[in-house]
Protein backbone atom coordinates (compact mmCIF):
# COMPACT_ATOMS: atom_id res chain seq x y z
CA MET A 1 149.57 45.46 133.54
CA ASP A 2 148.23 42.44 131.28
CA ILE A 3 149.93 40.91 128.12
CA GLY A 4 148.25 43.36 125.88
CA GLN A 5 149.65 46.73 127.24
CA TRP A 6 152.73 45.65 127.18
CA ILE A 7 152.67 44.69 123.24
CA ILE A 8 151.42 48.38 123.01
CA ILE A 9 153.93 49.68 124.91
CA GLY A 10 156.61 47.08 122.98
CA ILE A 11 155.00 48.23 119.66
CA VAL A 12 155.62 51.58 120.41
CA ALA A 13 158.96 51.61 121.57
CA PHE A 14 160.20 49.32 117.75
CA GLY A 15 158.69 52.00 115.62
CA ALA A 16 159.77 54.93 117.30
CA SER A 17 163.32 53.56 117.89
CA TRP A 18 163.43 52.40 114.01
CA LEU A 19 162.09 56.03 113.35
CA THR A 20 164.60 58.08 115.73
CA LEU A 21 167.67 56.44 114.22
CA ILE A 22 166.74 57.98 110.52
CA SER A 23 165.06 60.95 112.26
CA GLY A 24 167.22 61.52 115.28
CA PHE A 25 164.38 61.81 117.34
CA GLY A 26 161.10 61.02 118.46
CA LEU A 27 161.89 58.37 121.07
CA GLY A 28 161.22 60.18 124.25
CA THR A 29 158.28 62.27 122.43
CA LEU A 30 155.82 59.30 121.43
CA LEU A 31 157.05 56.34 124.55
CA THR A 32 156.57 59.22 127.29
CA PRO A 33 152.41 59.80 126.28
CA VAL A 34 152.09 55.94 125.95
CA PHE A 35 153.63 55.10 129.48
CA LEU A 36 151.67 57.55 131.21
CA LEU A 37 148.37 55.42 129.85
CA PHE A 38 149.64 53.10 132.37
CA PHE A 39 151.80 54.72 135.00
CA PRO A 40 151.76 58.08 137.01
CA LEU A 41 153.92 60.97 135.27
CA PRO A 42 157.09 60.94 137.91
CA GLU A 43 157.39 56.93 136.80
CA ALA A 44 156.03 57.63 132.96
CA ILE A 45 158.81 59.88 132.68
CA MET A 46 161.82 57.97 134.72
CA LEU A 47 161.12 54.60 132.74
CA THR A 48 161.19 56.55 129.33
CA ALA A 49 164.41 58.31 130.32
CA ILE A 50 165.89 54.63 130.88
CA VAL A 51 164.96 53.25 128.15
CA HIS A 52 166.21 56.48 126.24
CA VAL A 53 169.74 56.63 127.51
CA LEU A 54 170.16 52.34 127.13
CA ASN A 55 168.51 52.65 123.61
CA ASN A 56 171.07 55.92 122.66
CA ILE A 57 174.52 53.61 124.55
CA PHE A 58 173.03 50.54 122.39
CA LYS A 59 173.06 52.71 118.70
CA PHE A 60 176.19 54.87 119.25
CA GLY A 61 177.94 51.30 119.49
CA LEU A 62 176.08 49.90 116.32
CA LEU A 63 177.29 53.50 114.86
CA TYR A 64 180.42 54.84 116.56
CA LYS A 65 182.37 54.81 113.20
CA ASN A 66 180.39 57.44 111.40
CA VAL A 67 180.67 60.07 114.45
CA ASN A 68 181.86 63.53 113.44
CA THR A 69 183.98 64.27 116.24
CA ARG A 70 184.41 68.31 115.37
CA LEU A 71 180.54 68.40 114.96
CA VAL A 72 180.45 66.41 118.53
CA LEU A 73 182.51 68.94 120.26
CA LEU A 74 181.33 72.50 118.36
CA PHE A 75 176.99 71.65 118.81
CA GLY A 76 177.19 68.88 121.63
CA LEU A 77 179.49 70.75 124.10
CA SER A 78 177.60 73.99 123.34
CA GLY A 79 174.47 71.94 124.00
CA ILE A 80 175.06 70.96 127.12
CA LEU A 81 175.40 74.15 128.69
CA GLY A 82 172.26 75.33 126.85
CA ALA A 83 170.22 72.51 128.14
CA TYR A 84 171.69 73.68 131.92
CA PHE A 85 170.43 77.34 131.79
CA GLY A 86 167.37 75.64 130.22
CA SER A 87 166.84 73.47 132.71
CA SER A 88 167.74 75.67 135.82
CA LEU A 89 164.06 77.78 134.42
CA ILE A 90 161.61 75.60 134.30
CA ASP A 91 159.97 76.40 137.42
CA SER A 92 160.24 79.70 136.49
CA LEU A 93 158.66 79.61 133.30
CA ASP A 94 155.49 81.17 132.70
CA THR A 95 152.88 78.22 132.39
CA SER A 96 150.17 80.37 131.24
CA ILE A 97 147.11 78.65 129.36
CA ALA A 98 146.60 79.74 126.09
CA TYR A 99 143.51 77.73 125.09
CA THR A 100 141.93 74.15 125.91
CA SER A 101 141.91 71.18 123.56
CA THR A 102 138.51 69.00 123.78
CA LEU A 103 139.74 66.58 121.84
CA PRO A 104 141.56 64.26 123.86
CA LYS A 105 139.31 62.13 126.22
CA VAL A 106 140.21 64.36 128.57
CA PRO A 107 140.10 68.48 128.17
CA THR A 108 143.97 69.52 128.38
CA ASP A 109 145.04 72.89 128.81
CA VAL A 110 147.72 73.95 125.78
CA SER A 111 150.41 76.96 127.70
CA TYR A 112 151.38 79.47 125.25
CA PHE A 113 155.21 78.35 125.73
CA SER A 114 154.10 74.76 124.10
CA LEU A 115 151.95 76.78 121.57
CA ALA A 116 155.13 78.78 120.64
CA VAL A 117 157.29 75.68 120.63
CA SER A 118 154.76 73.98 118.39
CA VAL A 119 155.02 76.95 116.05
CA LEU A 120 159.09 76.98 115.65
CA MET A 121 158.75 73.44 115.40
CA ILE A 122 156.64 73.70 112.52
CA LEU A 123 158.17 76.79 110.46
CA PHE A 124 161.17 74.89 110.65
CA ALA A 125 159.68 71.57 109.08
CA LEU A 126 158.29 73.76 106.84
CA GLN A 127 161.44 75.25 105.29
CA GLU A 128 163.17 71.62 105.04
CA LEU A 129 160.60 70.38 103.03
CA ILE A 130 160.18 73.18 100.91
CA TRP A 131 163.36 74.75 100.81
CA GLY A 132 165.73 71.71 101.83
CA ARG A 133 166.52 70.50 98.25
CA PHE A 134 168.55 74.09 98.10
CA SER A 135 171.95 72.45 99.77
CA PHE A 136 173.76 74.61 101.50
CA LYS A 137 176.19 74.05 104.69
CA LEU A 138 176.59 75.70 107.60
CA LYS A 139 179.70 77.39 109.12
CA SER A 140 181.30 75.72 111.97
CA ILE A 141 180.57 79.29 114.09
CA ILE A 142 177.13 78.98 113.82
CA LEU A 143 176.96 75.44 114.86
CA ILE A 144 177.96 76.41 118.40
CA PRO A 145 175.18 78.99 119.02
CA GLY A 146 172.33 75.78 117.39
CA GLY A 147 173.87 73.24 119.84
CA LEU A 148 172.93 76.35 122.93
CA ILE A 149 169.24 77.03 121.21
CA SER A 150 168.66 72.89 120.58
CA GLY A 151 169.56 72.28 124.38
CA PHE A 152 168.00 75.45 125.72
CA PHE A 153 165.01 74.44 124.41
CA GLY A 154 165.40 70.54 125.25
CA GLY A 155 165.95 72.14 128.83
CA LEU A 156 162.89 73.36 128.77
CA SER A 157 160.35 71.44 127.01
CA GLY A 158 162.60 68.04 126.29
CA HIS A 159 162.02 68.82 122.27
CA GLN A 160 165.95 69.51 121.54
CA GLY A 161 165.88 66.57 118.97
CA ALA A 162 163.85 68.20 116.66
CA LEU A 163 165.81 71.63 116.91
CA ARG A 164 169.18 69.44 116.37
CA SER A 165 168.04 67.76 114.33
CA MET A 166 167.53 70.70 111.72
CA PHE A 167 171.36 72.08 112.40
CA LEU A 168 172.85 69.06 112.11
CA LEU A 169 170.85 68.33 108.81
CA LYS A 170 172.94 71.33 107.22
CA ALA A 171 176.33 70.48 108.80
CA GLY A 172 177.09 68.54 105.16
CA LEU A 173 176.83 65.22 106.65
CA SER A 174 176.02 62.09 105.03
CA ALA A 175 172.75 60.07 106.23
CA SER A 176 174.94 57.51 108.64
CA ALA A 177 177.30 60.64 109.96
CA TYR A 178 174.34 62.61 110.39
CA VAL A 179 172.69 59.44 112.13
CA ALA A 180 175.78 58.49 114.40
CA THR A 181 176.85 61.70 115.52
CA GLY A 182 173.13 62.66 116.46
CA THR A 183 173.12 60.12 118.52
CA THR A 184 176.04 61.08 120.38
CA ILE A 185 174.94 64.19 121.25
CA ALA A 186 171.72 63.04 122.21
CA LEU A 187 173.59 61.15 124.32
CA LEU A 188 176.10 63.12 125.89
CA ILE A 189 172.67 64.84 127.04
CA ASP A 190 171.40 62.20 128.19
CA PHE A 191 174.39 61.58 130.40
CA THR A 192 173.95 65.06 131.96
CA ARG A 193 169.96 65.60 132.90
CA ILE A 194 169.19 62.07 133.63
CA PRO A 195 172.20 62.12 137.16
CA VAL A 196 170.22 65.21 137.54
CA TYR A 197 167.33 63.71 137.69
CA LEU A 198 167.85 61.12 139.76
CA ALA A 199 169.05 63.05 142.37
CA SER A 200 166.09 64.95 143.16
CA ASN A 201 163.12 61.87 142.58
CA ASP A 202 162.50 58.26 143.50
CA ILE A 203 163.14 56.09 141.24
CA SER A 204 162.06 52.79 142.65
CA ALA A 205 158.57 52.94 142.16
CA ALA A 206 159.71 52.97 137.61
CA THR A 207 162.12 50.56 138.79
CA GLU A 208 160.12 48.27 140.20
CA GLU A 209 158.44 47.99 136.45
CA CYS A 210 161.05 45.41 135.26
CA VAL A 211 158.57 43.89 132.94
CA PRO A 212 157.40 46.62 130.71
CA LEU A 213 161.50 48.16 130.78
CA LEU A 214 162.49 45.69 129.67
CA ILE A 215 159.89 45.03 127.10
CA ALA A 216 160.53 49.01 125.98
CA THR A 217 164.21 48.63 125.93
CA LEU A 218 164.46 45.37 124.03
CA SER A 219 162.07 46.72 121.54
CA ALA A 220 164.08 49.25 120.86
CA PHE A 221 166.98 47.59 120.54
CA ILE A 222 165.39 45.73 117.76
CA GLY A 223 164.02 49.06 115.88
CA ALA A 224 167.96 49.88 116.25
CA PHE A 225 169.39 47.38 114.86
CA ILE A 226 166.94 47.17 111.96
CA GLY A 227 167.80 50.75 111.40
CA LYS A 228 170.70 50.43 111.37
CA ARG A 229 170.94 48.11 108.53
CA MET A 230 168.89 49.98 106.13
CA ILE A 231 170.75 53.38 106.53
CA ALA A 232 173.11 52.92 104.16
CA LYS A 233 170.34 53.44 101.68
CA VAL A 234 168.92 56.42 103.20
CA THR A 235 169.65 59.43 101.48
CA ILE A 236 170.11 62.97 103.00
CA ARG A 237 167.18 64.31 101.55
CA LEU A 238 165.07 61.06 102.62
CA VAL A 239 166.03 62.06 106.43
CA GLN A 240 164.75 65.43 105.78
CA TRP A 241 161.67 64.55 104.43
CA VAL A 242 161.66 62.29 107.57
CA VAL A 243 162.29 64.94 110.20
CA GLY A 244 160.32 67.56 108.49
CA VAL A 245 157.47 64.99 108.42
CA LEU A 246 158.16 64.20 111.96
CA MET A 247 158.28 67.38 113.57
CA ILE A 248 154.81 68.55 111.56
CA ALA A 249 153.31 65.64 113.17
CA ILE A 250 154.79 66.24 117.43
CA ALA A 251 154.10 69.72 117.41
CA SER A 252 150.18 68.50 115.61
CA LEU A 253 149.73 66.63 118.25
CA MET A 254 151.47 69.48 120.77
CA LEU A 255 148.67 71.86 119.64
CA LEU A 256 145.83 69.10 119.69
CA GLY A 257 147.08 68.78 124.24
CA PHE A 258 148.04 64.47 123.44
CA LEU A 259 151.69 65.56 123.89
C-alpha cells in the first residue's frame, strides 16, 4: 500500500469514528467498504472488526461514567441472544437476487434481504425525522424484544447499530447517556461475535497489515476523543437528526449496491 491509500483509510476512520460517537453506529458500515478497496473480503472484515472493538474499548473508557446499567442489562443481554440466533441463520439465509445495480464500477447484485433491511432502516429513519420531535419514553418491557430484534438483524446483516439506536433514542436518555450506553452494548456484541469469527477464520493475513490497522485505529481514537469533547453541547434532538439522516444514507448505499 502507498501513502495515499493510508491517508484515505485514516480520514475515513477518523470521520466515521467521530460520527459514530454521536450517532451510536456507522464505523463498521463505513470502514468496511474502504478496506475492501485494498484487501480481500476476509481480511477487510477482520481489519474492520479489530478497529471496531478497539475503538469501542477506547470510547467506553471515555464515557463509562454515563452508562445506564439498567438499559445495558435489559437491551444489551437480549441483544447478545438475538445476535447469536441471527448469526446461526446466515448460512441458511435466502440470498435470492432482487435486482442488479449498475451504478458502481462493477455491476452489483442486491439481494431481497438487503432490500428488506434497507426499506426497514428508511422507515425507522423517517419516523425519527418526522415524528421524533414528539418525545415519548418506551416502557422497560419493550426494550427486551428491542434488543432481540436489533441483535438478530445485526447477526444477519451487521446493521444492528442502526436499529439499536432507534430504540435507545426512545429510552428517555440524555445525549451523553445515549452515547455511553450504546457504546457499552456494542462492546458486548463485539466481545460475543469476534471470538466466534476468530475461531473460524485465518487471521494471519489480516494481522500482517500492521500499518493500515494502526493508522485506522489511531485515527478512530482521535475521532472519538474529539467527539467526546463535543458531546456536552449536543442535544438529543440533534442526535435524532444525525441518526435519521445517517440511516437513510446507509440504506440508500445498500439499495444502490455500494454496501
